[in-house]
C-alpha atoms as a PDB file:
ATOM      1  CA  UNK A   1     157.751  10.270 143.517  1.00  0.00           C
ATOM      2  CA  UNK A   2     155.023   8.155 141.899  1.00  0.00           C
ATOM      3  CA  UNK A   3     151.962  10.296 141.156  1.00  0.00           C
ATOM      4  CA  UNK A   4     148.879   8.876 142.886  1.00  0.00           C
ATOM      5  CA  UNK A   5     146.247  10.052 140.417  1.00  0.00           C
ATOM      6  CA  UNK A   6     148.223   8.793 137.427  1.00  0.00           C
ATOM      7  CA  UNK A   7     148.763   5.346 138.909  1.00  0.00           C
ATOM      8  CA  UNK A   8     145.251   4.921 140.310  1.00  0.00           C
ATOM      9  CA  UNK A   9     143.442   6.083 137.183  1.00  0.00           C
ATOM     10  CA  UNK A  10     145.738   4.024 134.965  1.00  0.00           C
ATOM     11  CA  UNK A  11     145.127   0.904 137.058  1.00  0.00           C
ATOM     12  CA  UNK A  12     141.365   1.432 136.948  1.00  0.00           C
ATOM     13  CA  UNK A  13     141.609   1.966 133.192  1.00  0.00           C
ATOM     14  CA  UNK A  14     143.656  -1.219 132.857  1.00  0.00           C
ATOM     15  CA  UNK A  15     140.993  -3.241 134.651  1.00  0.00           C
ATOM     16  CA  UNK A  16     138.428  -1.782 132.243  1.00  0.00           C
ATOM     17  CA  UNK A  17     140.613  -2.764 129.272  1.00  0.00           C
ATOM     18  CA  UNK A  18     140.844  -6.339 130.536  1.00  0.00           C
ATOM     19  CA  UNK A  19     137.086  -6.425 131.117  1.00  0.00           C
ATOM     20  CA  UNK A  20     136.427  -5.237 127.558  1.00  0.00           C
ATOM     21  CA  UNK A  21     138.894  -7.789 126.164  1.00  0.00           C
ATOM     22  CA  UNK A  22     137.485 -10.868 127.891  1.00  0.00           C
ATOM     23  CA  UNK A  23     133.795  -9.925 127.802  1.00  0.00           C
ATOM     24  CA  UNK A  24     133.492 -11.042 124.196  1.00  0.00           C
ATOM     25  CA  UNK A  25     135.518 -14.256 124.454  1.00  0.00           C
ATOM     26  CA  UNK A  26     133.987 -17.619 123.630  1.00  0.00           C
ATOM     27  CA  UNK A  27     134.157 -20.470 126.191  1.00  0.00           C
ATOM     28  CA  UNK A  28     136.998 -22.149 124.311  1.00  0.00           C
ATOM     29  CA  UNK A  29     138.972 -18.899 124.421  1.00  0.00           C
ATOM     30  CA  UNK A  30     138.542 -18.681 128.193  1.00  0.00           C
ATOM     31  CA  UNK A  31     140.016 -22.196 128.324  1.00  0.00           C
ATOM     32  CA  UNK A  32     142.991 -21.324 126.082  1.00  0.00           C
ATOM     33  CA  UNK A  33     146.448 -21.881 127.530  1.00  0.00           C
ATOM     34  CA  UNK A  34     148.236 -18.612 128.292  1.00  0.00           C
ATOM     35  CA  UNK A  35     151.998 -17.885 128.179  1.00  0.00           C
ATOM     36  CA  UNK A  36     151.986 -18.267 131.995  1.00  0.00           C
ATOM     37  CA  UNK A  37     152.790 -21.920 132.794  1.00  0.00           C
ATOM     38  CA  UNK A  38     149.792 -23.852 134.079  1.00  0.00           C
ATOM     39  CA  UNK A  39     147.327 -21.004 133.584  1.00  0.00           C
ATOM     40  CA  UNK A  40     144.499 -20.515 131.109  1.00  0.00           C
ATOM     41  CA  UNK A  41     142.817 -17.203 130.294  1.00  0.00           C
ATOM     42  CA  UNK A  42     140.259 -18.077 132.998  1.00  0.00           C
ATOM     43  CA  UNK A  43     143.106 -18.575 135.471  1.00  0.00           C
ATOM     44  CA  UNK A  44     144.620 -15.188 134.643  1.00  0.00           C
ATOM     45  CA  UNK A  45     141.345 -13.424 135.488  1.00  0.00           C
ATOM     46  CA  UNK A  46     141.123 -15.537 138.652  1.00  0.00           C
ATOM     47  CA  UNK A  47     144.668 -14.492 139.583  1.00  0.00           C
ATOM     48  CA  UNK A  48     143.955 -10.772 139.137  1.00  0.00           C
ATOM     49  CA  UNK A  49     140.680 -11.122 141.053  1.00  0.00           C
ATOM     50  CA  UNK A  50     142.346 -13.015 143.881  1.00  0.00           C
ATOM     51  CA  UNK A  51     145.168 -10.518 144.200  1.00  0.00           C
ATOM     52  CA  UNK A  52     142.754  -7.617 144.544  1.00  0.00           C
ATOM     53  CA  UNK A  53     140.710  -9.589 147.091  1.00  0.00           C
ATOM     54  CA  UNK A  54     143.912 -10.157 149.085  1.00  0.00           C
ATOM     55  CA  UNK A  55     144.679  -6.445 148.926  1.00  0.00           C
ATOM     56  CA  UNK A  56     141.149  -5.833 150.233  1.00  0.00           C
ATOM     57  CA  UNK A  57     141.988  -7.923 153.295  1.00  0.00           C
ATOM     58  CA  UNK A  58     140.234 -11.147 152.295  1.00  0.00           C
ATOM     59  CA  UNK A  59     141.974 -14.443 152.995  1.00  0.00           C
ATOM     60  CA  UNK A  60     142.026 -17.105 150.278  1.00  0.00           C
ATOM     61  CA  UNK A  61     140.093 -20.343 150.769  1.00  0.00           C
ATOM     62  CA  UNK A  62     141.976 -23.390 151.946  1.00  0.00           C
ATOM     63  CA  UNK A  63     143.620 -25.093 148.948  1.00  0.00           C
ATOM     64  CA  UNK A  64     142.069 -28.394 147.918  1.00  0.00           C
ATOM     65  CA  UNK A  65     145.410 -29.822 146.800  1.00  0.00           C
ATOM     66  CA  UNK A  66     149.137 -29.251 147.321  1.00  0.00           C
ATOM     67  CA  UNK A  67     149.697 -26.074 145.321  1.00  0.00           C
ATOM     68  CA  UNK A  68     153.360 -25.983 146.357  1.00  0.00           C
ATOM     69  CA  UNK A  69     153.935 -29.224 144.480  1.00  0.00           C
ATOM     70  CA  UNK A  70     153.157 -27.594 141.135  1.00  0.00           C
ATOM     71  CA  UNK A  71     156.243 -26.960 138.968  1.00  0.00           C
ATOM     72  CA  UNK A  72     155.363 -23.297 138.322  1.00  0.00           C
ATOM     73  CA  UNK A  73     154.933 -22.476 142.040  1.00  0.00           C
ATOM     74  CA  UNK A  74     158.321 -21.325 143.313  1.00  0.00           C
ATOM     75  CA  UNK A  75     157.652 -19.275 146.432  1.00  0.00           C
ATOM     76  CA  UNK A  76     155.044 -18.063 148.921  1.00  0.00           C
ATOM     77  CA  UNK A  77     153.603 -15.500 146.508  1.00  0.00           C
ATOM     78  CA  UNK A  78     153.239 -18.181 143.851  1.00  0.00           C
ATOM     79  CA  UNK A  79     151.465 -20.452 146.320  1.00  0.00           C
ATOM     80  CA  UNK A  80     149.033 -17.666 147.286  1.00  0.00           C
ATOM     81  CA  UNK A  81     148.344 -16.907 143.626  1.00  0.00           C
ATOM     82  CA  UNK A  82     147.711 -20.566 142.874  1.00  0.00           C
ATOM     83  CA  UNK A  83     145.339 -20.922 145.816  1.00  0.00           C
ATOM     84  CA  UNK A  84     143.090 -18.173 144.448  1.00  0.00           C
ATOM     85  CA  UNK A  85     143.301 -19.585 140.913  1.00  0.00           C
ATOM     86  CA  UNK A  86     142.358 -23.035 142.170  1.00  0.00           C
ATOM     87  CA  UNK A  87     139.429 -21.649 144.194  1.00  0.00           C
ATOM     88  CA  UNK A  88     137.923 -19.850 141.203  1.00  0.00           C
ATOM     89  CA  UNK A  89     138.184 -22.726 138.716  1.00  0.00           C
ATOM     90  CA  UNK A  90     134.709 -23.885 139.770  1.00  0.00           C
ATOM     91  CA  UNK A  91     133.192 -20.635 138.486  1.00  0.00           C
ATOM     92  CA  UNK A  92     132.066 -20.301 134.881  1.00  0.00           C
ATOM     93  CA  UNK A  93     133.447 -17.294 132.937  1.00  0.00           C
ATOM     94  CA  UNK A  94     130.363 -15.132 133.553  1.00  0.00           C
ATOM     95  CA  UNK A  95     130.445 -15.705 137.311  1.00  0.00           C
ATOM     96  CA  UNK A  96     134.200 -15.106 137.476  1.00  0.00           C
ATOM     97  CA  UNK A  97     133.845 -11.894 135.483  1.00  0.00           C
ATOM     98  CA  UNK A  98     131.190 -10.738 137.961  1.00  0.00           C
ATOM     99  CA  UNK A  99     133.669 -11.299 140.818  1.00  0.00           C
ATOM    100  CA  UNK A 100     136.402  -9.481 138.879  1.00  0.00           C
ATOM    101  CA  UNK A 101     134.121  -6.501 138.271  1.00  0.00           C
ATOM    102  CA  UNK A 102     132.944  -6.369 141.878  1.00  0.00           C
ATOM    103  CA  UNK A 103     136.379  -6.409 143.467  1.00  0.00           C
ATOM    104  CA  UNK A 104     138.015  -4.035 140.985  1.00  0.00           C
ATOM    105  CA  UNK A 105     135.137  -1.569 141.381  1.00  0.00           C
ATOM    106  CA  UNK A 106     135.547  -1.651 145.163  1.00  0.00           C
ATOM    107  CA  UNK A 107     139.332  -1.422 144.924  1.00  0.00           C
ATOM    108  CA  UNK A 108     139.007   1.558 142.612  1.00  0.00           C
ATOM    109  CA  UNK A 109     136.858   3.359 145.193  1.00  0.00           C
ATOM    110  CA  UNK A 110     139.337   2.532 147.953  1.00  0.00           C
ATOM    111  CA  UNK A 111     142.348   3.740 145.986  1.00  0.00           C
ATOM    112  CA  UNK A 112     140.676   6.983 144.939  1.00  0.00           C
ATOM    113  CA  UNK A 113     139.746   7.691 148.569  1.00  0.00           C
ATOM    114  CA  UNK A 114     143.297   7.210 149.887  1.00  0.00           C
ATOM    115  CA  UNK A 115     145.201  10.284 150.945  1.00  0.00           C
ATOM    116  CA  UNK A 116     148.556  11.108 149.378  1.00  0.00           C
ATOM    117  CA  UNK A 117     150.213  10.254 152.697  1.00  0.00           C
ATOM    118  CA  UNK A 118     148.570   6.812 152.798  1.00  0.00           C
ATOM    119  CA  UNK A 119     149.516   6.170 149.192  1.00  0.00           C
ATOM    120  CA  UNK A 120     153.171   7.045 149.824  1.00  0.00           C
ATOM    121  CA  UNK A 121     153.408   5.111 153.080  1.00  0.00           C
ATOM    122  CA  UNK A 122     156.099   2.412 153.433  1.00  0.00           C
ATOM    123  CA  UNK A 123     154.831  -0.998 152.397  1.00  0.00           C
ATOM    124  CA  UNK A 124     155.881  -4.488 151.446  1.00  0.00           C
ATOM    125  CA  UNK A 125     155.798  -5.054 147.683  1.00  0.00           C
ATOM    126  CA  UNK A 126     156.676  -7.966 145.375  1.00  0.00           C
ATOM    127  CA  UNK A 127     159.881  -6.022 144.644  1.00  0.00           C
ATOM    128  CA  UNK A 128     160.800  -5.743 148.318  1.00  0.00           C
ATOM    129  CA  UNK A 129     160.250  -2.994 150.875  1.00  0.00           C
ATOM    130  CA  UNK A 130     159.139   0.214 149.155  1.00  0.00           C
ATOM    131  CA  UNK A 131     155.893   2.218 149.242  1.00  0.00           C
ATOM    132  CA  UNK A 132     152.253   1.440 148.588  1.00  0.00           C
ATOM    133  CA  UNK A 133     152.548   3.691 145.533  1.00  0.00           C
ATOM    134  CA  UNK A 134     155.264   1.420 144.118  1.00  0.00           C
ATOM    135  CA  UNK A 135     153.080  -1.607 144.851  1.00  0.00           C
ATOM    136  CA  UNK A 136     150.231  -0.088 142.849  1.00  0.00           C
ATOM    137  CA  UNK A 137     152.551   0.665 139.946  1.00  0.00           C
ATOM    138  CA  UNK A 138     153.570  -2.991 140.084  1.00  0.00           C
ATOM    139  CA  UNK A 139     149.847  -3.815 139.914  1.00  0.00           C
ATOM    140  CA  UNK A 140     149.611  -1.775 136.708  1.00  0.00           C
ATOM    141  CA  UNK A 141     152.610  -3.689 135.324  1.00  0.00           C
ATOM    142  CA  UNK A 142     151.155  -7.051 136.362  1.00  0.00           C
ATOM    143  CA  UNK A 143     147.681  -6.367 134.954  1.00  0.00           C
ATOM    144  CA  UNK A 144     149.059  -4.919 131.711  1.00  0.00           C
ATOM    145  CA  UNK A 145     151.320  -7.953 131.283  1.00  0.00           C
ATOM    146  CA  UNK A 146     148.360 -10.267 131.826  1.00  0.00           C
ATOM    147  CA  UNK A 147     146.373  -8.368 129.206  1.00  0.00           C
ATOM    148  CA  UNK A 148     149.190  -9.199 126.781  1.00  0.00           C
ATOM    149  CA  UNK A 149     149.098 -12.821 127.999  1.00  0.00           C
ATOM    150  CA  UNK A 150     145.385 -13.004 127.213  1.00  0.00           C
ATOM    151  CA  UNK A 151     145.879 -11.408 123.793  1.00  0.00           C
ATOM    152  CA  UNK A 152     148.634 -13.878 122.959  1.00  0.00           C
ATOM    153  CA  UNK A 153     146.540 -16.821 124.167  1.00  0.00           C
ATOM    154  CA  UNK A 154     143.559 -15.988 121.947  1.00  0.00           C
ATOM    155  CA  UNK A 155     145.375 -14.304 119.046  1.00  0.00           C
ATOM    156  CA  UNK A 156     144.080 -10.755 119.535  1.00  0.00           C
ATOM    157  CA  UNK A 157     146.958  -8.282 119.032  1.00  0.00           C
ATOM    158  CA  UNK A 158     146.866  -4.795 120.482  1.00  0.00           C
ATOM    159  CA  UNK A 159     146.977  -3.401 123.982  1.00  0.00           C
ATOM    160  CA  UNK A 160     149.961  -1.093 123.537  1.00  0.00           C
ATOM    161  CA  UNK A 161     150.705   2.595 123.319  1.00  0.00           C
ATOM    162  CA  UNK A 162     148.672   3.623 126.365  1.00  0.00           C
ATOM    163  CA  UNK A 163     149.293   4.919 129.887  1.00  0.00           C
ATOM    164  CA  UNK A 164     149.450   1.390 131.300  1.00  0.00           C
ATOM    165  CA  UNK A 165     152.256   0.464 128.903  1.00  0.00           C
ATOM    166  CA  UNK A 166     154.157   3.589 129.954  1.00  0.00           C
ATOM    167  CA  UNK A 167     153.913   2.707 133.652  1.00  0.00           C
ATOM    168  CA  UNK A 168     154.745  -0.938 132.939  1.00  0.00           C
ATOM    169  CA  UNK A 169     157.951   0.136 131.189  1.00  0.00           C
ATOM    170  CA  UNK A 170     158.687   2.499 134.105  1.00  0.00           C
ATOM    171  CA  UNK A 171     158.493  -0.518 136.405  1.00  0.00           C
ATOM    172  CA  UNK A 172     160.804  -2.570 134.184  1.00  0.00           C
ATOM    173  CA  UNK A 173     163.206   0.363 133.984  1.00  0.00           C
ATOM    174  CA  UNK A 174     163.601   0.261 137.765  1.00  0.00           C
ATOM    175  CA  UNK A 175     164.951  -3.282 137.374  1.00  0.00           C
ATOM    176  CA  UNK A 176     167.278  -2.638 134.425  1.00  0.00           C
ATOM    177  CA  UNK A 177     170.338  -2.012 136.580  1.00  0.00           C
ATOM    178  CA  UNK A 178     169.860  -5.439 138.146  1.00  0.00           C
ATOM    179  CA  UNK A 179     169.095  -7.041 134.775  1.00  0.00           C
ATOM    180  CA  UNK A 180     172.125  -5.599 133.002  1.00  0.00           C
ATOM    181  CA  UNK A 181     174.599  -5.763 135.892  1.00  0.00           C
ATOM    182  CA  UNK A 182     173.658  -8.854 137.895  1.00  0.00           C
ATOM    183  CA  UNK A 183     171.845 -11.050 135.414  1.00  0.00           C
ATOM    184  CA  UNK A 184     173.530  -9.867 132.214  1.00  0.00           C
ATOM    185  CA  UNK A 185     176.971  -9.468 133.795  1.00  0.00           C
ATOM    186  CA  UNK A 186     177.814  -6.438 131.651  1.00  0.00           C
ATOM    187  CA  UNK A 187     181.463  -5.519 132.310  1.00  0.00           C
ATOM    188  CA  UNK A 188     182.543  -2.403 134.165  1.00  0.00           C
ATOM    189  CA  UNK A 189     182.798   0.571 131.825  1.00  0.00           C
ATOM    190  CA  UNK A 190     180.188  -0.738 129.384  1.00  0.00           C
ATOM    191  CA  UNK A 191     176.839   0.809 128.558  1.00  0.00           C
ATOM    192  CA  UNK A 192     173.620  -0.479 127.060  1.00  0.00           C
ATOM    193  CA  UNK A 193     170.889   1.395 125.224  1.00  0.00           C
ATOM    194  CA  UNK A 194     167.430  -0.129 124.823  1.00  0.00           C
ATOM    195  CA  UNK A 195     165.722   1.516 121.856  1.00  0.00           C
ATOM    196  CA  UNK A 196     162.035   0.624 122.232  1.00  0.00           C
ATOM    197  CA  UNK A 197     159.887   1.047 119.148  1.00  0.00           C
ATOM    198  CA  UNK A 198     156.144   1.137 118.557  1.00  0.00           C
ATOM    199  CA  UNK A 199     153.305   3.582 119.286  1.00  0.00           C
ATOM    200  CA  UNK A 200     155.240   5.120 122.223  1.00  0.00           C
ATOM    201  CA  UNK A 201     158.957   4.878 121.360  1.00  0.00           C
ATOM    202  CA  UNK A 202     161.397   5.233 124.222  1.00  0.00           C
ATOM    203  CA  UNK A 203     165.128   4.984 124.914  1.00  0.00           C
ATOM    204  CA  UNK A 204     166.524   3.572 128.133  1.00  0.00           C
ATOM    205  CA  UNK A 205     170.235   3.782 128.961  1.00  0.00           C
ATOM    206  CA  UNK A 206     172.186   1.719 131.469  1.00  0.00           C
ATOM    207  CA  UNK A 207     175.775   2.570 132.429  1.00  0.00           C
ATOM    208  CA  UNK A 208     178.035   0.184 134.355  1.00  0.00           C
ATOM    209  CA  UNK A 209     180.414   2.053 136.666  1.00  0.00           C
ATOM    210  CA  UNK A 210     181.145  -0.470 139.410  1.00  0.00           C
ATOM    211  CA  UNK A 211     177.364  -0.820 139.585  1.00  0.00           C
ATOM    212  CA  UNK A 212     174.900  -0.823 136.705  1.00  0.00           C
ATOM    213  CA  UNK A 213     172.320   1.961 136.836  1.00  0.00           C
ATOM    214  CA  UNK A 214     169.797   3.608 134.564  1.00  0.00           C
ATOM    215  CA  UNK A 215     170.894   7.072 133.412  1.00  0.00           C
ATOM    216  CA  UNK A 216     169.193   9.806 131.446  1.00  0.00           C
ATOM    217  CA  UNK A 217     171.915  10.067 128.796  1.00  0.00           C
ATOM    218  CA  UNK A 218     175.242   8.468 127.937  1.00  0.00           C
ATOM    219  CA  UNK A 219     178.438  10.468 127.470  1.00  0.00           C
ATOM    220  CA  UNK A 220     179.021   8.785 124.120  1.00  0.00           C
ATOM    221  CA  UNK A 221     177.832   5.866 122.029  1.00  0.00           C
ATOM    222  CA  UNK A 222     176.527   2.804 123.846  1.00  0.00           C
ATOM    223  CA  UNK A 223     178.704  -0.282 123.941  1.00  0.00           C
ATOM    224  CA  UNK A 224     175.660  -2.182 122.693  1.00  0.00           C
ATOM    225  CA  UNK A 225     172.310  -0.905 121.436  1.00  0.00           C
ATOM    226  CA  UNK A 226     169.321  -3.251 121.515  1.00  0.00           C
ATOM    227  CA  UNK A 227     166.420  -2.144 119.318  1.00  0.00           C
ATOM    228  CA  UNK A 228     163.091  -3.953 119.637  1.00  0.00           C
ATOM    229  CA  UNK A 229     159.341  -3.295 119.947  1.00  0.00           C
ATOM    230  CA  UNK A 230     158.113  -2.458 123.432  1.00  0.00           C
ATOM    231  CA  UNK A 231     155.811  -5.483 123.439  1.00  0.00           C
ATOM    232  CA  UNK A 232     158.681  -7.840 122.637  1.00  0.00           C
ATOM    233  CA  UNK A 233     160.838  -6.171 125.307  1.00  0.00           C
ATOM    234  CA  UNK A 234     158.103  -6.654 127.923  1.00  0.00           C
ATOM    235  CA  UNK A 235     157.518 -10.285 126.948  1.00  0.00           C
ATOM    236  CA  UNK A 236     161.245 -11.014 127.194  1.00  0.00           C
ATOM    237  CA  UNK A 237     161.487  -9.300 130.588  1.00  0.00           C
ATOM    238  CA  UNK A 238     158.427 -11.203 131.787  1.00  0.00           C
ATOM    239  CA  UNK A 239     159.805 -14.537 130.618  1.00  0.00           C
ATOM    240  CA  UNK A 240     156.885 -15.019 128.244  1.00  0.00           C
ATOM    241  CA  UNK A 241     159.102 -15.754 125.257  1.00  0.00           C
ATOM    242  CA  UNK A 242     162.636 -17.026 124.763  1.00  0.00           C
ATOM    243  CA  UNK A 243     165.184 -14.805 122.987  1.00  0.00           C
ATOM    244  CA  UNK A 244     165.137 -17.223 120.038  1.00  0.00           C
ATOM    245  CA  UNK A 245     161.403 -16.588 119.656  1.00  0.00           C
ATOM    246  CA  UNK A 246     161.953 -12.847 119.276  1.00  0.00           C
ATOM    247  CA  UNK A 247     163.838 -13.502 116.026  1.00  0.00           C
ATOM    248  CA  UNK A 248     164.245 -10.565 113.690  1.00  0.00           C
ATOM    249  CA  UNK A 249     162.262  -8.284 116.013  1.00  0.00           C
ATOM    250  CA  UNK A 250     165.513  -7.687 117.911  1.00  0.00           C
ATOM    251  CA  UNK A 251     168.284  -5.694 116.240  1.00  0.00           C
ATOM    252  CA  UNK A 252     171.754  -5.384 117.786  1.00  0.00           C
ATOM    253  CA  UNK A 253     174.343  -2.682 117.159  1.00  0.00           C
ATOM    254  CA  UNK A 254     177.819  -2.314 118.610  1.00  0.00           C
ATOM    255  CA  UNK A 255     179.105  -5.217 120.703  1.00  0.00           C
ATOM    256  CA  UNK A 256     176.964  -8.044 119.323  1.00  0.00           C
ATOM    257  CA  UNK A 257     178.098 -10.604 121.882  1.00  0.00           C
ATOM    258  CA  UNK A 258     177.290  -8.326 124.805  1.00  0.00           C
ATOM    259  CA  UNK A 259     173.944  -7.451 123.232  1.00  0.00           C
ATOM    260  CA  UNK A 260     172.989 -11.131 122.920  1.00  0.00           C
ATOM    261  CA  UNK A 261     174.169 -11.702 126.485  1.00  0.00           C
ATOM    262  CA  UNK A 262     171.870  -8.978 127.784  1.00  0.00           C
ATOM    263  CA  UNK A 263     168.874 -10.100 125.701  1.00  0.00           C
ATOM    264  CA  UNK A 264     169.363 -13.603 127.107  1.00  0.00           C
ATOM    265  CA  UNK A 265     169.239 -12.212 130.651  1.00  0.00           C
ATOM    266  CA  UNK A 266     166.116 -10.047 130.353  1.00  0.00           C
ATOM    267  CA  UNK A 267     163.683 -12.526 131.954  1.00  0.00           C
ATOM    268  CA  UNK A 268     163.667 -11.264 135.540  1.00  0.00           C
ATOM    269  CA  UNK A 269     160.050 -12.036 136.438  1.00  0.00           C
ATOM    270  CA  UNK A 270     157.330 -14.462 135.415  1.00  0.00           C
END
């Protein structure tokens, strides 16, 4: 079960971290291209703001152009995201930040007031049918990833080793069976260990026994061990960087070919 207080307070804290990060940016930094195709730093804040407005029940404005014709819009969710981004481009950074603060403050109140039963209720999520709790953990993942996008766009490292990073990795871990088995095509009987380094080191194990699944421990040595910083792992999983860009940050042990195969398949979301 996903703990309500942990997720809600972490999400509220993540919004505060983003606020603190962008509050001191210069106009040219707000206009900097982010790792998300087609989006600037301004657009990332617009996207987060729009998503929370949608979750508050507000409909987006009518798009002023064909958002579905954009190369980075691949589905209905992408089209909705782009509609909000487009609508907020007319706002200067100060006005957009005011909207961001208003909606995240209201959303924080709403989430804190929800009962445990409401929070655990079945719900649609970007990962399919699950619970509202899972959706809010995905919101932590999404907002934390966009903090990293902003930092990369303006050259301000940091943003790791906190509760949001932990929940973001939890969310990625739920997809590792799919990543290793379906995308990475790891053979039956193989196993993969992800050794994440940094302020909050962590080991994630995936065993393939007809199906690939995350396990607490392996019965022996992993077929391939992939060691890399958590930030690099997240950027690879989010499709922010190509495996060739990770360079020496990624170390492979055991079956090198399988390890490279899995690293090349990590990008499961953008």
